C-alpha atoms as a PDB file:
ATOM      1  CA  MET A   1      -5.868 -26.779 -13.243  1.00  0.00           C
ATOM      2  CA  HIS A   2      -5.944 -23.850 -10.784  1.00  0.00           C
ATOM      3  CA  LYS A   3      -8.733 -21.622  -9.536  1.00  0.00           C
ATOM      4  CA  VAL A   4      -7.380 -18.387 -10.932  1.00  0.00           C
ATOM      5  CA  ASN A   5      -9.293 -16.085  -8.582  1.00  0.00           C
ATOM      6  CA  GLU A   6      -7.598 -17.820  -5.643  1.00  0.00           C
ATOM      7  CA  LEU A   7      -4.082 -17.205  -6.965  1.00  0.00           C
ATOM      8  CA  LYS A   8      -2.387 -14.381  -5.053  1.00  0.00           C
ATOM      9  CA  ILE A   9      -0.274 -13.463  -8.086  1.00  0.00           C
ATOM     10  CA  TRP A  10      -3.424 -13.042 -10.194  1.00  0.00           C
ATOM     11  CA  GLN A  11      -5.091 -10.929  -7.488  1.00  0.00           C
ATOM     12  CA  LYS A  12      -2.014  -8.680  -7.256  1.00  0.00           C
ATOM     13  CA  SER A  13      -1.927  -8.406 -11.052  1.00  0.00           C
ATOM     14  CA  ILE A  14      -5.551  -7.241 -11.128  1.00  0.00           C
ATOM     15  CA  GLU A  15      -4.639  -4.598  -8.543  1.00  0.00           C
ATOM     16  CA  LEU A  16      -1.730  -3.576 -10.767  1.00  0.00           C
ATOM     17  CA  VAL A  17      -4.056  -3.062 -13.736  1.00  0.00           C
ATOM     18  CA  LYS A  18      -6.262  -0.766 -11.648  1.00  0.00           C
ATOM     19  CA  GLN A  19      -3.225   1.240 -10.525  1.00  0.00           C
ATOM     20  CA  VAL A  20      -1.902   1.527 -14.070  1.00  0.00           C
ATOM     21  CA  TYR A  21      -5.219   2.820 -15.403  1.00  0.00           C
ATOM     22  CA  LYS A  22      -5.197   5.537 -12.721  1.00  0.00           C
ATOM     23  CA  VAL A  23      -1.584   6.490 -13.479  1.00  0.00           C
ATOM     24  CA  VAL A  24      -2.038   6.792 -17.239  1.00  0.00           C
ATOM     25  CA  ALA A  25      -5.258   8.769 -16.919  1.00  0.00           C
ATOM     26  CA  ASP A  26      -3.100  11.874 -16.505  1.00  0.00           C
ATOM     27  CA  LEU A  27      -0.983  11.305 -19.601  1.00  0.00           C
ATOM     28  CA  PRO A  28      -1.488  13.770 -22.466  1.00  0.00           C
ATOM     29  CA  ASN A  29      -4.274  13.034 -24.944  1.00  0.00           C
ATOM     30  CA  ASP A  30      -1.803  12.870 -27.811  1.00  0.00           C
ATOM     31  CA  GLU A  31      -0.381   9.729 -26.171  1.00  0.00           C
ATOM     32  CA  LYS A  32      -3.808   8.031 -26.044  1.00  0.00           C
ATOM     33  CA  PHE A  33      -3.090   5.798 -29.035  1.00  0.00           C
ATOM     34  CA  GLY A  34       0.641   5.556 -28.404  1.00  0.00           C
ATOM     35  CA  LEU A  35       2.330   4.996 -25.089  1.00  0.00           C
ATOM     36  CA  THR A  36      -0.905   5.008 -23.055  1.00  0.00           C
ATOM     37  CA  SER A  37      -2.377   2.224 -25.154  1.00  0.00           C
ATOM     38  CA  GLN A  38       0.841   0.172 -24.975  1.00  0.00           C
ATOM     39  CA  ILE A  39       1.013   0.573 -21.198  1.00  0.00           C
ATOM     40  CA  LYS A  40      -2.586  -0.551 -20.722  1.00  0.00           C
ATOM     41  CA  ARG A  41      -2.131  -3.568 -22.993  1.00  0.00           C
ATOM     42  CA  ALA A  42       1.026  -4.664 -21.166  1.00  0.00           C
ATOM     43  CA  ALA A  43      -0.687  -4.306 -17.783  1.00  0.00           C
ATOM     44  CA  VAL A  44      -3.785  -6.253 -18.853  1.00  0.00           C
ATOM     45  CA  SER A  45      -1.577  -8.940 -20.399  1.00  0.00           C
ATOM     46  CA  ILE A  46      -0.151  -9.904 -16.997  1.00  0.00           C
ATOM     47  CA  PRO A  47      -3.305 -11.228 -15.249  1.00  0.00           C
ATOM     48  CA  SER A  48      -4.697 -12.408 -18.587  1.00  0.00           C
ATOM     49  CA  ASN A  49      -1.736 -14.706 -19.235  1.00  0.00           C
ATOM     50  CA  ILE A  50      -1.762 -15.946 -15.643  1.00  0.00           C
ATOM     51  CA  ALA A  51      -5.439 -16.817 -16.108  1.00  0.00           C
ATOM     52  CA  GLU A  52      -4.855 -18.501 -19.447  1.00  0.00           C
ATOM     53  CA  GLY A  53      -2.024 -20.579 -18.002  1.00  0.00           C
ATOM     54  CA  ALA A  54      -4.125 -21.553 -14.993  1.00  0.00           C
ATOM     55  CA  GLY A  55      -6.742 -22.891 -17.363  1.00  0.00           C
ATOM     56  CA  ARG A  56      -4.325 -25.075 -19.270  1.00  0.00           C
ATOM     57  CA  ASN A  57      -3.964 -28.802 -18.739  1.00  0.00           C
ATOM     58  CA  SER A  58      -0.275 -29.119 -17.962  1.00  0.00           C
ATOM     59  CA  LYS A  59       2.390 -27.577 -15.773  1.00  0.00           C
ATOM     60  CA  LYS A  60       4.504 -26.947 -18.839  1.00  0.00           C
ATOM     61  CA  GLU A  61       1.765 -24.860 -20.443  1.00  0.00           C
ATOM     62  CA  PHE A  62       1.110 -22.989 -17.195  1.00  0.00           C
ATOM     63  CA  LYS A  63       4.796 -22.098 -16.837  1.00  0.00           C
ATOM     64  CA  TYR A  64       4.835 -20.919 -20.450  1.00  0.00           C
ATOM     65  CA  PHE A  65       2.019 -18.431 -19.791  1.00  0.00           C
ATOM     66  CA  LEU A  66       3.607 -17.341 -16.512  1.00  0.00           C
ATOM     67  CA  SER A  67       6.719 -16.615 -18.551  1.00  0.00           C
ATOM     68  CA  ILE A  68       4.712 -14.472 -20.973  1.00  0.00           C
ATOM     69  CA  ALA A  69       3.156 -12.619 -18.013  1.00  0.00           C
ATOM     70  CA  ASN A  70       6.642 -12.005 -16.658  1.00  0.00           C
ATOM     71  CA  GLY A  71       7.776 -10.587 -19.975  1.00  0.00           C
ATOM     72  CA  SER A  72       4.776  -8.254 -19.990  1.00  0.00           C
ATOM     73  CA  SER A  73       5.679  -7.070 -16.499  1.00  0.00           C
ATOM     74  CA  TYR A  74       9.160  -6.076 -17.686  1.00  0.00           C
ATOM     75  CA  GLU A  75       7.630  -4.379 -20.719  1.00  0.00           C
ATOM     76  CA  LEU A  76       5.264  -2.430 -18.453  1.00  0.00           C
ATOM     77  CA  HIS A  77       8.097  -1.448 -16.116  1.00  0.00           C
ATOM     78  CA  THR A  78      10.104  -0.116 -19.057  1.00  0.00           C
ATOM     79  CA  GLN A  79       7.161   1.821 -20.478  1.00  0.00           C
ATOM     80  CA  LEU A  80       6.485   3.522 -17.149  1.00  0.00           C
ATOM     81  CA  ILE A  81      10.156   4.495 -16.887  1.00  0.00           C
ATOM     82  CA  ILE A  82       9.949   5.920 -20.408  1.00  0.00           C
ATOM     83  CA  THR A  83       6.952   8.070 -19.455  1.00  0.00           C
ATOM     84  CA  HIS A  84       9.003   9.497 -16.601  1.00  0.00           C
ATOM     85  CA  GLU A  85      12.133   9.977 -18.715  1.00  0.00           C
ATOM     86  CA  LEU A  86      10.068  11.841 -21.313  1.00  0.00           C
ATOM     87  CA  GLY A  87       8.776  14.148 -18.582  1.00  0.00           C
ATOM     88  CA  LEU A  88       5.183  12.957 -19.028  1.00  0.00           C
ATOM     89  CA  ILE A  89       4.763  11.787 -15.455  1.00  0.00           C
ATOM     90  CA  GLU A  90       6.470  12.437 -12.141  1.00  0.00           C
ATOM     91  CA  GLU A  91       8.499   9.670 -10.522  1.00  0.00           C
ATOM     92  CA  GLN A  92       6.518   9.655  -7.276  1.00  0.00           C
ATOM     93  CA  LYS A  93       3.342   9.017  -9.286  1.00  0.00           C
ATOM     94  CA  ILE A  94       4.708   5.732 -10.667  1.00  0.00           C
ATOM     95  CA  GLU A  95       6.856   4.644  -7.720  1.00  0.00           C
ATOM     96  CA  GLU A  96       4.141   2.560  -6.015  1.00  0.00           C
ATOM     97  CA  THR A  97       3.234   0.930  -9.317  1.00  0.00           C
ATOM     98  CA  LEU A  98       6.873   0.090 -10.079  1.00  0.00           C
ATOM     99  CA  ASN A  99       7.182  -1.496  -6.627  1.00  0.00           C
ATOM    100  CA  LEU A 100       4.078  -3.606  -7.262  1.00  0.00           C
ATOM    101  CA  ILE A 101       5.498  -4.733 -10.605  1.00  0.00           C
ATOM    102  CA  THR A 102       8.709  -5.842  -8.864  1.00  0.00           C
ATOM    103  CA  GLU A 103       6.680  -7.727  -6.250  1.00  0.00           C
ATOM    104  CA  ILE A 104       4.699  -9.511  -8.977  1.00  0.00           C
ATOM    105  CA  GLN A 105       7.921 -10.403 -10.829  1.00  0.00           C
ATOM    106  CA  LYS A 106       9.313 -11.996  -7.664  1.00  0.00           C
ATOM    107  CA  MET A 107       6.053 -13.849  -7.057  1.00  0.00           C
ATOM    108  CA  ASN A 108       6.056 -15.080 -10.634  1.00  0.00           C
ATOM    109  CA  TYR A 109       9.616 -16.380 -10.371  1.00  0.00           C
ATOM    110  CA  SER A 110       8.820 -18.188  -7.111  1.00  0.00           C
ATOM    111  CA  PHE A 111       5.586 -19.582  -8.504  1.00  0.00           C
ATOM    112  CA  GLN A 112       7.339 -20.947 -11.572  1.00  0.00           C
ATOM    113  CA  LYS A 113       9.944 -22.604  -9.342  1.00  0.00           C
ATOM    114  CA  SER A 114       7.208 -24.136  -7.164  1.00  0.00           C
ATOM    115  CA  ILE A 115       5.582 -25.680 -10.231  1.00  0.00           C
ATOM    116  CA  GLY A 116       8.862 -27.524 -10.829  1.00  0.00           C
ATOM    117  CA  GLU A 117      10.673 -28.748 -13.870  1.00  0.00           C
ATOM    118  CA  VAL A 118       8.628 -30.165 -16.672  1.00  0.00           C
END
């Protein structure tokens, strides 16, 4: 349906994953299988679901996977806030990443609207 590597939202989501991996690298080792793992999975879920939706055969299916990607972005945002609230990471370290998440959420909303009602 769409060439995923040409989608700006997918490109931005890949950049987000790279940022997230850098941010969580400094989290304590005892969080490796807890919060760190959850954060990485949520981040990777965003471009993965965009890609899966792009490969589907209908607009309805594509919008469904964009919706899942959007949910993962909110999950990721919450998890990063939790790391800060727990004192595991400083706010300025996640600020750029949180801004990118917000940008991707706005792009996702606009993209879903551009696909239209199904």
